[in-house]
Amino acid sequence: MTYSPAISSYCFNKGSRACFGLLAALLLLPFGSFGQQPAAQLRALPVPAGRFLQASVRVGEPLDYELRYEHAPDLEVVFPDSLAAFEPFEYTGKTYFPTRTRNGRSLDRAIYHLRTFRLDAVQRLALPVLVLQGAADTLRLAPPPSSVRLRRTAPPQTTTGLPELRQNLALVPVEPIFNYPYWLAGSLAVLLLLAGGAALFRRRLTRRYQAYKRRKNHGYFLAQFARHVERFELSRSATNVERAVVLWKNYLASLENNELSSFTTREIVTYFENDNDVRKALGATDKVIYGNLQTEDAKEVDRAFQRLRGFAERRYASVGDN
């Protein structure tokens, strides 16, 4: 698009108010009659060319309209802007190209981006250009109308009346959708509740869990100890006595959380403050394990087993009370 030196001269001579009035008239009324257009002048000037860049369009689809005007380099040409009349189309944007002059001819070109929502089968458009003739006269030149055909997507109605509507109130089953946000929120709430409960009742829960483990270990110890005693009664073997004593040491070591299983008989008696049952029971079992087993020793071992089991039950009860 070219700009006239005459407009600058006019603004300089008349002042800013007159210049603003001229520019407002050019922008707001680009296609009105700014002055009498002599027929001789219109015939002398070349006619612009306008065309659609596609032959058909759907409702609402983008549509491009190209406007070209080839003229003498000294002409001042103004192309339509967004305020022009684009009916029956809607203006969505434009693309201007710089004026190109070759071999004494200038070419102005612009592409207007439009769309239509009218249902006319054929729609036409002819965008005019303005040629400025000094500060007091403007010529309006319109190209031949260009047409575009509306491409329909629905078949035309053959009847004038509305189609008959059929009522259908049957419910259609809808597949339920897994509600991920609610499930995630619920899971997070449950985790927070469990974490809060664990932090609040941790000591009590720990104590109850430890009591449960002690009860399970005590039951296991009594069952295994009774099995070793039964095997000793059947075989009178020193090996069963040794296994029963080792089981007793390991149980008390885990019950009181110490290294009692590696203690000697004297160290165990000292650890339990010279308890009478521990001293007599371990003395009898050591006599069987490290000496010769006699008939009277077997009876003493039976009493030793009772003392060891009774002492383990007393220690279990004392630990459970703490």
Protein backbone atom coordinates (compact mmCIF):
# COMPACT_ATOMS: atom_id res chain seq x y z
CA MET A 1 0.00 0.00 0.00
CA THR A 2 1.33 3.47 -0.87
CA TYR A 3 0.93 6.70 1.10
CA SER A 4 0.49 10.13 -0.44
CA PRO A 5 2.90 13.04 0.01
CA ALA A 6 -0.16 15.24 -0.56
CA ILE A 7 -1.63 14.17 2.78
CA SER A 8 1.52 15.23 4.62
CA SER A 9 1.52 18.58 2.81
CA TYR A 10 -2.13 19.12 3.57
CA CYS A 11 -1.61 18.36 7.30
CA PHE A 12 1.36 20.74 7.40
CA ASN A 13 -0.56 23.63 5.80
CA LYS A 14 -3.96 23.19 7.47
CA GLY A 15 -2.94 22.14 10.94
CA SER A 16 -3.46 19.05 13.09
CA ARG A 17 -7.26 19.46 13.44
CA ALA A 18 -7.86 19.50 9.69
CA CYS A 19 -5.43 16.60 9.26
CA PHE A 20 -7.29 14.54 11.91
CA GLY A 21 -10.61 15.23 10.20
CA LEU A 22 -9.26 14.05 6.86
CA LEU A 23 -7.82 10.84 8.33
CA ALA A 24 -11.02 10.10 10.25
CA ALA A 25 -13.04 10.50 7.09
CA LEU A 26 -10.71 8.16 5.21
CA LEU A 27 -10.85 5.49 7.94
CA LEU A 28 -14.51 5.62 8.95
CA LEU A 29 -15.99 6.16 5.50
CA PRO A 30 -13.63 4.37 3.16
CA PHE A 31 -16.24 3.51 0.66
CA GLY A 32 -18.50 6.54 0.77
CA SER A 33 -18.61 9.29 -1.76
CA PHE A 34 -15.97 11.81 -0.73
CA GLY A 35 -16.41 13.86 -3.82
CA GLN A 36 -17.81 13.76 -7.26
CA GLN A 37 -16.16 10.99 -9.33
CA PRO A 38 -15.93 12.18 -12.95
CA ALA A 39 -16.66 9.41 -15.42
CA ALA A 40 -13.56 10.33 -17.44
CA GLN A 41 -11.33 9.79 -14.40
CA LEU A 42 -12.94 6.42 -13.62
CA ARG A 43 -12.49 5.27 -17.20
CA ALA A 44 -8.84 6.34 -17.23
CA LEU A 45 -7.85 4.43 -14.07
CA PRO A 46 -7.34 0.64 -14.13
CA VAL A 47 -9.88 -1.55 -12.35
CA PRO A 48 -8.75 -3.62 -9.33
CA ALA A 49 -9.08 -7.39 -9.37
CA GLY A 50 -10.72 -9.38 -6.60
CA ARG A 51 -11.28 -13.12 -6.34
CA PHE A 52 -11.87 -15.91 -3.86
CA LEU A 53 -8.98 -18.34 -3.51
CA GLN A 54 -11.34 -21.32 -3.41
CA ALA A 55 -14.45 -22.20 -5.37
CA SER A 56 -16.60 -23.54 -2.51
CA VAL A 57 -16.81 -23.28 1.25
CA ARG A 58 -18.73 -24.80 4.14
CA VAL A 59 -20.60 -22.77 6.76
CA GLY A 60 -18.12 -21.35 9.27
CA GLU A 61 -15.00 -22.47 7.38
CA PRO A 62 -12.14 -20.00 6.74
CA LEU A 63 -12.27 -18.33 3.33
CA ASP A 64 -9.62 -16.12 1.68
CA TYR A 65 -10.39 -13.23 -0.67
CA GLU A 66 -7.51 -11.70 -2.65
CA LEU A 67 -7.63 -8.04 -3.73
CA ARG A 68 -5.02 -6.80 -6.25
CA TYR A 69 -4.57 -3.41 -7.84
CA GLU A 70 -1.95 -2.57 -10.45
CA HIS A 71 -1.52 1.17 -11.02
CA ALA A 72 0.86 3.97 -11.80
CA PRO A 73 3.49 4.55 -9.12
CA ASP A 74 2.31 8.13 -8.44
CA LEU A 75 -1.21 7.09 -7.39
CA GLU A 76 -2.12 7.04 -3.71
CA VAL A 77 -4.20 3.87 -3.09
CA VAL A 78 -6.00 2.90 0.12
CA PHE A 79 -7.20 -0.70 0.60
CA PRO A 80 -10.23 -1.58 2.77
CA ASP A 81 -9.67 -2.20 6.47
CA SER A 82 -11.69 -4.09 9.10
CA LEU A 83 -14.48 -1.45 9.04
CA ALA A 84 -15.38 -2.14 5.41
CA ALA A 85 -18.62 -3.82 4.37
CA PHE A 86 -17.88 -7.53 3.97
CA GLU A 87 -21.51 -8.74 3.85
CA PRO A 88 -22.55 -11.53 3.57
CA PHE A 89 -19.20 -12.55 5.05
CA GLU A 90 -17.57 -11.90 8.41
CA TYR A 91 -14.11 -10.39 8.68
CA THR A 92 -11.57 -12.39 10.73
CA GLY A 93 -8.23 -10.93 9.63
CA LYS A 94 -6.04 -9.77 6.75
CA THR A 95 -2.58 -10.18 5.27
CA TYR A 96 -0.99 -7.16 3.53
CA PHE A 97 1.91 -7.32 1.13
CA PRO A 98 4.32 -4.42 0.50
CA THR A 99 3.87 -2.40 -2.67
CA ARG A 100 6.01 -3.81 -5.48
CA THR A 101 7.04 -1.59 -8.41
CA ARG A 102 8.46 -3.03 -11.64
CA ASN A 103 8.77 -1.56 -15.13
CA GLY A 104 6.90 1.61 -14.17
CA ARG A 105 3.89 -0.21 -12.62
CA SER A 106 3.09 -0.67 -8.92
CA LEU A 107 1.20 -3.63 -7.51
CA ASP A 108 -0.72 -3.50 -4.21
CA ARG A 109 -2.04 -6.79 -2.89
CA ALA A 110 -3.90 -7.96 0.21
CA ILE A 111 -5.62 -11.16 1.29
CA TYR A 112 -8.69 -10.90 3.55
CA HIS A 113 -9.57 -13.82 5.80
CA LEU A 114 -13.34 -14.27 5.96
CA ARG A 115 -16.02 -16.76 6.89
CA THR A 116 -19.73 -17.03 6.25
CA PHE A 117 -22.76 -18.25 8.14
CA ARG A 118 -25.33 -17.44 5.46
CA LEU A 119 -27.11 -20.29 3.70
CA ASP A 120 -27.28 -18.73 0.22
CA ALA A 121 -26.16 -21.19 -2.42
CA VAL A 122 -23.95 -18.59 -4.15
CA GLN A 123 -22.45 -15.62 -2.30
CA ARG A 124 -20.65 -12.69 -3.88
CA LEU A 125 -18.24 -9.98 -2.78
CA ALA A 126 -16.54 -6.99 -4.45
CA LEU A 127 -14.21 -5.01 -2.22
CA PRO A 128 -13.41 -1.54 -3.63
CA VAL A 129 -10.20 0.44 -3.28
CA LEU A 130 -9.84 4.19 -2.80
CA VAL A 131 -7.62 6.35 -4.98
CA LEU A 132 -6.69 9.66 -3.34
CA GLN A 133 -6.85 12.66 -5.72
CA GLY A 134 -5.30 15.35 -3.57
CA ALA A 135 -6.78 16.34 -0.22
CA ALA A 136 -10.32 17.10 -1.43
CA ASP A 137 -11.24 14.25 -3.77
CA THR A 138 -11.28 10.44 -3.56
CA LEU A 139 -12.14 7.92 -6.24
CA ARG A 140 -13.78 4.60 -5.40
CA LEU A 141 -12.90 1.70 -7.70
CA ALA A 142 -14.64 -1.67 -7.32
CA PRO A 143 -13.58 -4.92 -9.01
CA PRO A 144 -16.06 -7.24 -10.71
CA PRO A 145 -17.94 -9.31 -8.10
CA SER A 146 -16.38 -12.66 -7.25
CA SER A 147 -18.61 -15.54 -6.21
CA VAL A 148 -18.16 -18.61 -4.04
CA ARG A 149 -20.46 -21.60 -3.82
CA LEU A 150 -21.74 -22.85 -0.46
CA ARG A 151 -21.00 -26.54 0.05
CA ARG A 152 -23.81 -28.09 2.09
CA THR A 153 -23.26 -30.98 4.46
CA ALA A 154 -26.92 -31.85 5.11
CA PRO A 155 -29.33 -33.02 2.41
CA PRO A 156 -31.92 -30.41 1.40
CA GLN A 157 -35.43 -30.74 2.77
CA THR A 158 -37.93 -31.78 0.11
CA THR A 159 -40.98 -30.83 2.18
CA THR A 160 -41.84 -27.45 3.57
CA GLY A 161 -43.16 -28.79 6.88
CA LEU A 162 -41.09 -29.85 9.85
CA PRO A 163 -40.27 -33.57 10.12
CA GLU A 164 -42.40 -35.60 12.48
CA LEU A 165 -40.77 -36.07 15.88
CA ARG A 166 -40.91 -39.47 17.52
CA GLN A 167 -41.02 -39.63 21.29
CA ASN A 168 -38.66 -42.09 22.97
CA LEU A 169 -38.53 -42.09 26.77
CA ALA A 170 -36.65 -45.37 27.17
CA LEU A 171 -33.61 -45.06 29.41
CA VAL A 172 -30.28 -45.85 27.80
CA PRO A 173 -27.80 -47.66 30.05
CA VAL A 174 -24.70 -45.63 30.72
CA GLU A 175 -21.48 -47.36 31.67
CA PRO A 176 -20.26 -46.05 35.03
CA ILE A 177 -16.96 -44.24 34.99
CA PHE A 178 -14.41 -44.78 37.72
CA ASN A 179 -14.15 -41.57 39.73
CA TYR A 180 -10.40 -41.27 40.18
CA PRO A 181 -10.37 -37.89 42.01
CA TYR A 182 -12.81 -39.05 44.70
CA TRP A 183 -11.02 -42.37 45.20
CA LEU A 184 -7.65 -40.67 45.45
CA ALA A 185 -9.03 -38.13 47.91
CA GLY A 186 -10.64 -40.92 49.97
CA SER A 187 -7.46 -43.00 49.97
CA LEU A 188 -5.42 -39.98 51.05
CA ALA A 189 -7.89 -39.26 53.85
CA VAL A 190 -7.70 -42.88 55.06
CA LEU A 191 -3.89 -42.80 54.99
CA LEU A 192 -3.84 -39.54 56.94
CA LEU A 193 -6.30 -40.99 59.46
CA LEU A 194 -4.20 -44.12 59.90
CA ALA A 195 -1.02 -42.09 60.23
CA GLY A 196 -2.64 -39.85 62.83
CA GLY A 197 -3.97 -42.84 64.76
CA ALA A 198 -0.57 -44.53 64.63
CA ALA A 199 1.15 -41.39 65.90
CA LEU A 200 -1.44 -40.97 68.67
CA PHE A 201 -1.61 -44.59 69.83
CA ARG A 202 1.86 -45.72 68.79
CA ARG A 203 3.05 -46.51 72.31
CA ARG A 204 -0.08 -48.46 73.16
CA LEU A 205 -0.06 -50.32 69.85
CA THR A 206 3.64 -51.14 70.25
CA ARG A 207 3.04 -52.46 73.74
CA ARG A 208 0.15 -54.62 72.58
CA TYR A 209 2.15 -55.96 69.64
CA GLN A 210 5.05 -56.86 71.90
CA ALA A 211 2.68 -58.60 74.30
CA TYR A 212 1.24 -60.54 71.36
CA LYS A 213 4.74 -61.65 70.29
CA ARG A 214 5.64 -62.67 73.85
CA ARG A 215 2.45 -64.69 74.11
CA LYS A 216 3.15 -66.46 70.82
CA ASN A 217 6.78 -67.17 71.77
CA HIS A 218 5.74 -68.43 75.20
CA GLY A 219 3.24 -70.84 73.74
CA TYR A 220 5.82 -72.09 71.26
CA PHE A 221 8.38 -72.57 74.06
CA LEU A 222 5.98 -74.56 76.24
CA ALA A 223 5.05 -76.83 73.34
CA GLN A 224 8.66 -77.49 72.33
CA PHE A 225 9.81 -77.93 75.94
CA ALA A 226 7.05 -80.45 76.57
CA ARG A 227 8.10 -82.36 73.47
CA HIS A 228 11.73 -82.61 74.69
CA VAL A 229 10.53 -83.75 78.11
CA GLU A 230 8.33 -86.39 76.52
CA ARG A 231 11.21 -87.64 74.37
CA PHE A 232 13.46 -87.84 77.43
CA GLU A 233 10.87 -89.89 79.28
CA LEU A 234 10.79 -92.33 76.38
CA SER A 235 14.50 -92.56 75.62
CA ARG A 236 16.25 -91.34 78.80
CA SER A 237 18.79 -89.72 76.46
CA ALA A 238 21.15 -86.98 77.61
CA THR A 239 20.77 -85.39 74.16
CA ASN A 240 17.13 -84.54 74.86
CA VAL A 241 18.12 -83.01 78.20
CA GLU A 242 20.71 -80.82 76.49
CA ARG A 243 18.20 -79.73 73.83
CA ALA A 244 15.64 -78.84 76.48
CA VAL A 245 18.18 -76.73 78.37
CA VAL A 246 19.31 -74.93 75.19
CA LEU A 247 15.67 -74.21 74.33
CA TRP A 248 15.13 -72.82 77.84
CA LYS A 249 18.21 -70.56 77.58
CA ASN A 250 17.26 -69.24 74.15
CA TYR A 251 13.70 -68.50 75.26
CA LEU A 252 14.80 -66.56 78.34
CA ALA A 253 17.40 -64.68 76.24
CA SER A 254 14.71 -63.52 73.80
CA LEU A 255 12.24 -62.81 76.61
CA GLU A 256 14.62 -60.56 78.53
CA ASN A 257 16.58 -59.33 75.45
CA ASN A 258 20.05 -60.37 76.65
CA GLU A 259 22.86 -62.82 75.80
CA LEU A 260 21.74 -65.48 78.26
CA SER A 261 22.08 -68.27 75.69
CA SER A 262 25.89 -67.89 75.74
CA PHE A 263 26.19 -67.86 79.57
CA THR A 264 27.61 -70.75 81.56
CA THR A 265 25.62 -72.42 84.33
CA ARG A 266 27.40 -70.41 87.02
CA GLU A 267 26.83 -67.13 85.15
CA ILE A 268 23.14 -67.93 84.70
CA VAL A 269 22.73 -68.69 88.43
CA THR A 270 24.50 -65.44 89.28
CA TYR A 271 22.37 -63.50 86.75
CA PHE A 272 19.16 -64.74 88.36
CA GLU A 273 20.48 -63.91 91.84
CA ASN A 274 21.11 -67.51 92.88
CA ASP A 275 17.50 -68.55 92.37
CA ASN A 276 16.91 -71.93 94.06
CA ASP A 277 14.99 -73.51 91.16
CA VAL A 278 17.55 -72.37 88.57
CA ARG A 279 20.51 -73.54 90.66
CA LYS A 280 19.08 -77.00 91.41
CA ALA A 281 17.63 -77.57 87.92
CA LEU A 282 20.81 -76.62 86.01
CA GLY A 283 22.94 -78.61 88.47
CA ALA A 284 20.86 -81.73 87.77
CA THR A 285 20.89 -81.27 84.02
CA ASP A 286 24.66 -80.64 83.92
CA LYS A 287 25.18 -83.85 85.89
CA VAL A 288 23.22 -85.77 83.24
CA ILE A 289 24.78 -84.01 80.24
CA TYR A 290 28.40 -84.23 81.39
CA GLY A 291 28.21 -87.38 83.56
CA ASN A 292 26.72 -90.84 83.50
CA LEU A 293 22.94 -91.05 83.66
CA GLN A 294 21.67 -93.11 86.63
CA THR A 295 18.14 -94.13 87.55
CA GLU A 296 17.96 -91.70 90.44
CA ASP A 297 19.36 -88.99 88.12
CA ALA A 298 16.45 -89.50 85.72
CA LYS A 299 13.99 -88.70 88.50
CA GLU A 300 16.03 -85.63 89.40
CA VAL A 301 15.96 -84.53 85.72
CA ASP A 302 12.15 -84.79 85.73
CA ARG A 303 12.05 -82.48 88.74
CA ALA A 304 14.60 -80.19 87.02
CA PHE A 305 12.35 -79.91 83.97
CA GLN A 306 9.44 -78.87 86.20
CA ARG A 307 11.63 -76.24 87.93
CA LEU A 308 12.88 -74.82 84.58
CA ARG A 309 9.33 -74.62 83.14
CA GLY A 310 7.97 -73.05 86.31
CA PHE A 311 10.78 -70.48 86.38
CA ALA A 312 10.16 -69.59 82.70
CA GLU A 313 6.47 -69.06 83.40
CA ARG A 314 7.28 -66.79 86.37
CA ARG A 315 9.69 -64.72 84.26
CA TYR A 316 7.09 -64.48 81.47
CA ALA A 317 4.49 -63.25 83.96
CA SER A 318 6.92 -60.69 85.45
CA VAL A 319 7.88 -59.32 82.01
CA GLY A 320 4.24 -59.16 80.95
CA ASP A 321 3.33 -57.08 84.00
CA ASN A 322 5.96 -54.41 83.21
